[in-house]
Amino acid sequence: MELITWNDFEKVELRVGKVISAEVFKEARAPAYLLQVDFGDEIGIKKSSAQITELYIPEELIGRLVIGVVNFPRKQIGPIQSECLITGFHNENGEVTLCVPDSEVPLGAKLC
């Protein structure tokens, strides 16, 4: 494992957002959803392709808080540009479970 400095960690903008739309991303190579996530007034709404189809359905994602990296450069994924990375962990079966706050926090709050 490579060690990083506190300054390295501070550069990563891990922010809380709320999923406002989720749909099957038909053009993706691997099964994925296309998410629109509201990160609050300062950051706004960002798109993301999320490979979370094994454990979630689009309807249950709406309104959920998630944690996303909002300062990566945009990444072309099929016909869309992903603007953030929604975070999660692989479980014992290799399925992605979302990394989420366990209580309400303001949209755009930074992980500290």
N, C-alpha and C. Protein backbone atom coordinates (compact mmCIF):
# COMPACT_ATOMS: atom_id res chain seq x y z
N MET A 1 0.84 -1.17 0.00
CA MET A 1 0.00 0.00 0.00
C MET A 1 0.90 1.25 0.00
N GLU A 2 0.58 2.15 -0.91
CA GLU A 2 1.34 3.40 -0.99
C GLU A 2 0.78 4.41 0.02
N LEU A 3 1.66 5.01 0.78
CA LEU A 3 1.24 6.04 1.74
C LEU A 3 1.10 7.37 1.04
N ILE A 4 0.12 8.16 1.48
CA ILE A 4 -0.07 9.51 0.95
C ILE A 4 0.06 10.50 2.11
N THR A 5 0.22 11.74 1.76
CA THR A 5 0.30 12.78 2.77
C THR A 5 -1.10 13.36 3.02
N TRP A 6 -1.23 14.10 4.12
CA TRP A 6 -2.49 14.78 4.40
C TRP A 6 -2.84 15.73 3.25
N ASN A 7 -1.83 16.39 2.68
CA ASN A 7 -2.08 17.28 1.54
C ASN A 7 -2.65 16.53 0.35
N ASP A 8 -2.19 15.30 0.11
CA ASP A 8 -2.75 14.48 -0.97
C ASP A 8 -4.24 14.23 -0.71
N PHE A 9 -4.58 13.83 0.50
CA PHE A 9 -5.97 13.53 0.86
C PHE A 9 -6.86 14.76 0.71
N GLU A 10 -6.36 15.92 1.11
CA GLU A 10 -7.15 17.14 1.03
C GLU A 10 -7.50 17.53 -0.41
N LYS A 11 -6.74 17.05 -1.38
CA LYS A 11 -7.01 17.36 -2.78
C LYS A 11 -8.25 16.63 -3.31
N VAL A 12 -8.61 15.51 -2.69
CA VAL A 12 -9.74 14.71 -3.16
C VAL A 12 -11.03 15.33 -2.62
N GLU A 13 -11.90 15.74 -3.51
CA GLU A 13 -13.17 16.35 -3.14
C GLU A 13 -14.25 15.27 -3.05
N LEU A 14 -14.33 14.62 -1.90
CA LEU A 14 -15.38 13.63 -1.62
C LEU A 14 -16.55 14.39 -1.02
N ARG A 15 -17.65 14.44 -1.75
CA ARG A 15 -18.80 15.26 -1.35
C ARG A 15 -20.08 14.43 -1.31
N VAL A 16 -21.01 14.88 -0.49
CA VAL A 16 -22.32 14.24 -0.38
C VAL A 16 -23.25 14.81 -1.45
N GLY A 17 -23.93 13.90 -2.13
CA GLY A 17 -24.93 14.31 -3.11
C GLY A 17 -26.18 13.47 -2.97
N LYS A 18 -27.25 13.93 -3.60
CA LYS A 18 -28.52 13.21 -3.59
C LYS A 18 -28.86 12.80 -5.02
N VAL A 19 -29.15 11.53 -5.21
CA VAL A 19 -29.53 11.04 -6.54
C VAL A 19 -30.89 11.62 -6.89
N ILE A 20 -30.95 12.33 -8.03
CA ILE A 20 -32.23 12.91 -8.46
C ILE A 20 -32.80 12.18 -9.67
N SER A 21 -31.98 11.41 -10.37
CA SER A 21 -32.51 10.55 -11.43
C SER A 21 -31.56 9.37 -11.61
N ALA A 22 -32.15 8.26 -12.00
CA ALA A 22 -31.38 7.02 -12.24
C ALA A 22 -32.09 6.24 -13.32
N GLU A 23 -31.33 5.83 -14.33
CA GLU A 23 -31.90 5.04 -15.42
C GLU A 23 -30.86 4.05 -15.92
N VAL A 24 -31.33 3.00 -16.54
CA VAL A 24 -30.42 2.01 -17.13
C VAL A 24 -29.61 2.70 -18.22
N PHE A 25 -28.29 2.51 -18.17
CA PHE A 25 -27.38 3.08 -19.15
C PHE A 25 -27.19 2.03 -20.25
N LYS A 26 -28.08 2.06 -21.23
CA LYS A 26 -28.15 1.02 -22.26
C LYS A 26 -26.88 0.92 -23.10
N GLU A 27 -26.20 2.04 -23.30
CA GLU A 27 -25.01 2.04 -24.17
C GLU A 27 -23.73 1.62 -23.46
N ALA A 28 -23.76 1.42 -22.16
CA ALA A 28 -22.56 1.04 -21.41
C ALA A 28 -22.13 -0.38 -21.76
N ARG A 29 -20.83 -0.62 -21.78
CA ARG A 29 -20.30 -1.97 -22.07
C ARG A 29 -20.63 -2.94 -20.95
N ALA A 30 -20.46 -2.50 -19.71
CA ALA A 30 -20.81 -3.31 -18.54
C ALA A 30 -22.12 -2.76 -17.98
N PRO A 31 -22.95 -3.61 -17.37
CA PRO A 31 -24.22 -3.11 -16.82
C PRO A 31 -24.00 -1.94 -15.87
N ALA A 32 -24.74 -0.86 -16.11
CA ALA A 32 -24.56 0.36 -15.32
C ALA A 32 -25.84 1.18 -15.34
N TYR A 33 -25.90 2.12 -14.41
CA TYR A 33 -26.96 3.12 -14.39
C TYR A 33 -26.35 4.47 -14.70
N LEU A 34 -27.14 5.31 -15.33
CA LEU A 34 -26.77 6.71 -15.54
C LEU A 34 -27.47 7.50 -14.44
N LEU A 35 -26.68 8.12 -13.58
CA LEU A 35 -27.20 8.86 -12.44
C LEU A 35 -27.02 10.36 -12.66
N GLN A 36 -27.98 11.12 -12.16
CA GLN A 36 -27.86 12.57 -12.02
C GLN A 36 -27.84 12.80 -10.51
N VAL A 37 -26.78 13.45 -10.01
CA VAL A 37 -26.61 13.61 -8.57
C VAL A 37 -26.48 15.10 -8.26
N ASP A 38 -27.30 15.57 -7.31
CA ASP A 38 -27.29 16.96 -6.88
C ASP A 38 -26.32 17.11 -5.71
N PHE A 39 -25.25 17.86 -5.92
CA PHE A 39 -24.24 18.11 -4.89
C PHE A 39 -24.40 19.49 -4.26
N GLY A 40 -25.57 20.09 -4.35
CA GLY A 40 -25.83 21.37 -3.71
C GLY A 40 -25.50 22.55 -4.61
N ASP A 41 -25.78 23.74 -4.08
CA ASP A 41 -25.66 24.97 -4.87
C ASP A 41 -24.24 25.25 -5.38
N GLU A 42 -23.23 24.98 -4.57
CA GLU A 42 -21.85 25.30 -4.95
C GLU A 42 -21.36 24.44 -6.12
N ILE A 43 -21.71 23.15 -6.13
CA ILE A 43 -21.20 22.21 -7.13
C ILE A 43 -22.23 21.93 -8.22
N GLY A 44 -23.49 21.83 -7.84
CA GLY A 44 -24.56 21.60 -8.81
C GLY A 44 -24.81 20.13 -9.08
N ILE A 45 -25.46 19.86 -10.19
CA ILE A 45 -25.85 18.51 -10.59
C ILE A 45 -24.79 17.94 -11.52
N LYS A 46 -24.37 16.71 -11.23
CA LYS A 46 -23.36 16.04 -12.04
C LYS A 46 -23.86 14.67 -12.48
N LYS A 47 -23.42 14.24 -13.68
CA LYS A 47 -23.75 12.92 -14.22
C LYS A 47 -22.68 11.91 -13.83
N SER A 48 -23.12 10.66 -13.67
CA SER A 48 -22.17 9.59 -13.39
C SER A 48 -22.71 8.28 -13.92
N SER A 49 -21.82 7.46 -14.45
CA SER A 49 -22.13 6.08 -14.80
C SER A 49 -21.71 5.23 -13.61
N ALA A 50 -22.66 4.46 -13.07
CA ALA A 50 -22.36 3.68 -11.87
C ALA A 50 -22.70 2.21 -12.10
N GLN A 51 -21.71 1.35 -11.91
CA GLN A 51 -21.89 -0.10 -12.08
C GLN A 51 -22.39 -0.70 -10.77
N ILE A 52 -23.65 -0.42 -10.46
CA ILE A 52 -24.26 -0.85 -9.19
C ILE A 52 -25.55 -1.62 -9.44
N THR A 53 -25.66 -2.25 -10.60
CA THR A 53 -26.92 -2.87 -11.01
C THR A 53 -27.26 -4.15 -10.26
N GLU A 54 -26.30 -4.82 -9.65
CA GLU A 54 -26.59 -6.09 -8.97
C GLU A 54 -27.40 -5.88 -7.69
N LEU A 55 -27.17 -4.79 -6.99
CA LEU A 55 -27.79 -4.60 -5.68
C LEU A 55 -28.86 -3.51 -5.63
N TYR A 56 -29.00 -2.74 -6.70
CA TYR A 56 -29.92 -1.61 -6.68
C TYR A 56 -30.77 -1.58 -7.94
N ILE A 57 -31.98 -1.04 -7.81
CA ILE A 57 -32.81 -0.75 -8.98
C ILE A 57 -32.97 0.76 -9.05
N PRO A 58 -33.15 1.30 -10.26
CA PRO A 58 -33.16 2.76 -10.40
C PRO A 58 -34.15 3.46 -9.47
N GLU A 59 -35.35 2.92 -9.32
CA GLU A 59 -36.38 3.58 -8.51
C GLU A 59 -35.97 3.75 -7.06
N GLU A 60 -35.22 2.80 -6.52
CA GLU A 60 -34.84 2.92 -5.11
C GLU A 60 -33.63 3.82 -4.89
N LEU A 61 -32.97 4.22 -5.96
CA LEU A 61 -31.83 5.12 -5.84
C LEU A 61 -32.25 6.58 -5.72
N ILE A 62 -33.42 6.92 -6.26
CA ILE A 62 -33.89 8.30 -6.24
C ILE A 62 -34.04 8.76 -4.78
N GLY A 63 -33.42 9.90 -4.48
CA GLY A 63 -33.51 10.47 -3.14
C GLY A 63 -32.44 9.98 -2.17
N ARG A 64 -31.64 9.00 -2.57
CA ARG A 64 -30.60 8.49 -1.68
C ARG A 64 -29.39 9.41 -1.66
N LEU A 65 -28.81 9.53 -0.48
CA LEU A 65 -27.54 10.24 -0.37
C LEU A 65 -26.41 9.31 -0.77
N VAL A 66 -25.43 9.84 -1.49
CA VAL A 66 -24.25 9.09 -1.92
C VAL A 66 -23.03 9.95 -1.70
N ILE A 67 -21.87 9.35 -1.79
CA ILE A 67 -20.61 10.09 -1.69
C ILE A 67 -19.91 9.97 -3.04
N GLY A 68 -19.54 11.12 -3.58
CA GLY A 68 -18.89 11.12 -4.88
C GLY A 68 -17.63 11.97 -4.89
N VAL A 69 -16.70 11.58 -5.76
CA VAL A 69 -15.52 12.40 -6.01
C VAL A 69 -15.91 13.36 -7.13
N VAL A 70 -15.85 14.66 -6.83
CA VAL A 70 -16.36 15.65 -7.79
C VAL A 70 -15.26 16.44 -8.50
N ASN A 71 -14.00 16.13 -8.21
CA ASN A 71 -12.93 16.89 -8.87
C ASN A 71 -12.03 16.05 -9.76
N PHE A 72 -12.54 14.92 -10.26
CA PHE A 72 -11.86 14.21 -11.34
C PHE A 72 -12.17 14.92 -12.65
N PRO A 73 -11.28 14.81 -13.64
CA PRO A 73 -11.65 15.33 -14.96
C PRO A 73 -12.80 14.49 -15.53
N ARG A 74 -13.59 15.10 -16.41
CA ARG A 74 -14.67 14.36 -17.06
C ARG A 74 -14.10 13.16 -17.81
N LYS A 75 -14.90 12.08 -17.86
CA LYS A 75 -14.46 10.86 -18.54
C LYS A 75 -15.54 10.43 -19.52
N GLN A 76 -15.14 10.23 -20.77
CA GLN A 76 -16.09 9.80 -21.79
C GLN A 76 -16.42 8.33 -21.57
N ILE A 77 -17.69 8.03 -21.38
CA ILE A 77 -18.16 6.66 -21.22
C ILE A 77 -19.31 6.48 -22.20
N GLY A 78 -19.02 5.80 -23.31
CA GLY A 78 -20.02 5.69 -24.37
C GLY A 78 -20.40 7.08 -24.85
N PRO A 79 -21.70 7.36 -24.93
CA PRO A 79 -22.14 8.65 -25.46
C PRO A 79 -22.19 9.78 -24.43
N ILE A 80 -21.83 9.51 -23.17
CA ILE A 80 -21.91 10.56 -22.15
C ILE A 80 -20.53 10.87 -21.57
N GLN A 81 -20.45 12.01 -20.92
CA GLN A 81 -19.25 12.36 -20.16
C GLN A 81 -19.60 12.25 -18.69
N SER A 82 -18.96 11.31 -18.00
CA SER A 82 -19.15 11.17 -16.57
C SER A 82 -18.43 12.31 -15.88
N GLU A 83 -19.12 12.97 -14.95
CA GLU A 83 -18.59 14.17 -14.31
C GLU A 83 -18.17 13.95 -12.85
N CYS A 84 -18.45 12.77 -12.32
CA CYS A 84 -18.07 12.46 -10.95
C CYS A 84 -17.99 10.94 -10.79
N LEU A 85 -17.37 10.51 -9.71
CA LEU A 85 -17.26 9.08 -9.41
C LEU A 85 -18.05 8.82 -8.13
N ILE A 86 -19.09 8.01 -8.24
CA ILE A 86 -19.87 7.63 -7.06
C ILE A 86 -19.13 6.47 -6.41
N THR A 87 -18.92 6.56 -5.10
CA THR A 87 -18.07 5.60 -4.40
C THR A 87 -18.85 4.42 -3.84
N GLY A 88 -18.15 3.30 -3.72
CA GLY A 88 -18.74 2.09 -3.15
C GLY A 88 -17.66 1.07 -2.85
N PHE A 89 -18.10 -0.04 -2.31
CA PHE A 89 -17.20 -1.13 -1.94
C PHE A 89 -17.70 -2.43 -2.57
N HIS A 90 -16.77 -3.29 -2.97
CA HIS A 90 -17.15 -4.63 -3.43
C HIS A 90 -17.43 -5.50 -2.22
N ASN A 91 -18.55 -6.22 -2.25
CA ASN A 91 -18.83 -7.17 -1.18
C ASN A 91 -18.16 -8.50 -1.50
N GLU A 92 -18.44 -9.52 -0.70
CA GLU A 92 -17.77 -10.82 -0.88
C GLU A 92 -18.11 -11.48 -2.21
N ASN A 93 -19.21 -11.05 -2.86
CA ASN A 93 -19.60 -11.60 -4.17
C ASN A 93 -19.12 -10.73 -5.34
N GLY A 94 -18.39 -9.66 -5.03
CA GLY A 94 -17.91 -8.77 -6.08
C GLY A 94 -18.92 -7.72 -6.51
N GLU A 95 -20.06 -7.65 -5.83
CA GLU A 95 -21.09 -6.66 -6.15
C GLU A 95 -20.75 -5.35 -5.44
N VAL A 96 -21.09 -4.22 -6.07
CA VAL A 96 -20.76 -2.92 -5.50
C VAL A 96 -21.91 -2.44 -4.62
N THR A 97 -21.57 -2.15 -3.36
CA THR A 97 -22.51 -1.53 -2.43
C THR A 97 -22.07 -0.09 -2.21
N LEU A 98 -23.02 0.82 -2.24
CA LEU A 98 -22.71 2.24 -2.16
C LEU A 98 -22.11 2.64 -0.82
N CYS A 99 -21.21 3.60 -0.88
CA CYS A 99 -20.67 4.26 0.31
C CYS A 99 -21.61 5.44 0.58
N VAL A 100 -22.26 5.43 1.75
CA VAL A 100 -23.27 6.45 2.04
C VAL A 100 -23.12 6.97 3.47
N PRO A 101 -23.54 8.22 3.72
CA PRO A 101 -23.58 8.71 5.10
C PRO A 101 -24.71 8.01 5.84
N ASP A 102 -24.57 7.83 7.15
CA ASP A 102 -25.61 7.11 7.89
C ASP A 102 -26.63 8.04 8.55
N SER A 103 -26.54 9.35 8.26
CA SER A 103 -27.57 10.29 8.69
C SER A 103 -27.57 11.46 7.70
N GLU A 104 -28.59 12.32 7.81
CA GLU A 104 -28.71 13.45 6.90
C GLU A 104 -27.57 14.44 7.12
N VAL A 105 -26.99 14.88 6.02
CA VAL A 105 -25.97 15.94 6.03
C VAL A 105 -26.28 16.85 4.85
N PRO A 106 -25.82 18.10 4.88
CA PRO A 106 -26.11 19.02 3.77
C PRO A 106 -25.49 18.55 2.46
N LEU A 107 -26.22 18.76 1.37
CA LEU A 107 -25.68 18.44 0.04
C LEU A 107 -24.42 19.24 -0.19
N GLY A 108 -23.40 18.58 -0.71
CA GLY A 108 -22.12 19.24 -0.99
C GLY A 108 -21.14 19.16 0.17
N ALA A 109 -21.59 18.64 1.34
CA ALA A 109 -20.67 18.55 2.48
C ALA A 109 -19.45 17.72 2.09
N LYS A 110 -18.28 18.17 2.51
CA LYS A 110 -17.03 17.50 2.17
C LYS A 110 -16.66 16.49 3.25
N LEU A 111 -16.20 15.31 2.82
CA LEU A 111 -15.69 14.32 3.75
C LEU A 111 -14.48 14.89 4.45
N CYS A 112 -14.43 14.72 5.77
CA CYS A 112 -13.29 15.26 6.52
C CYS A 112 -12.67 14.19 7.38
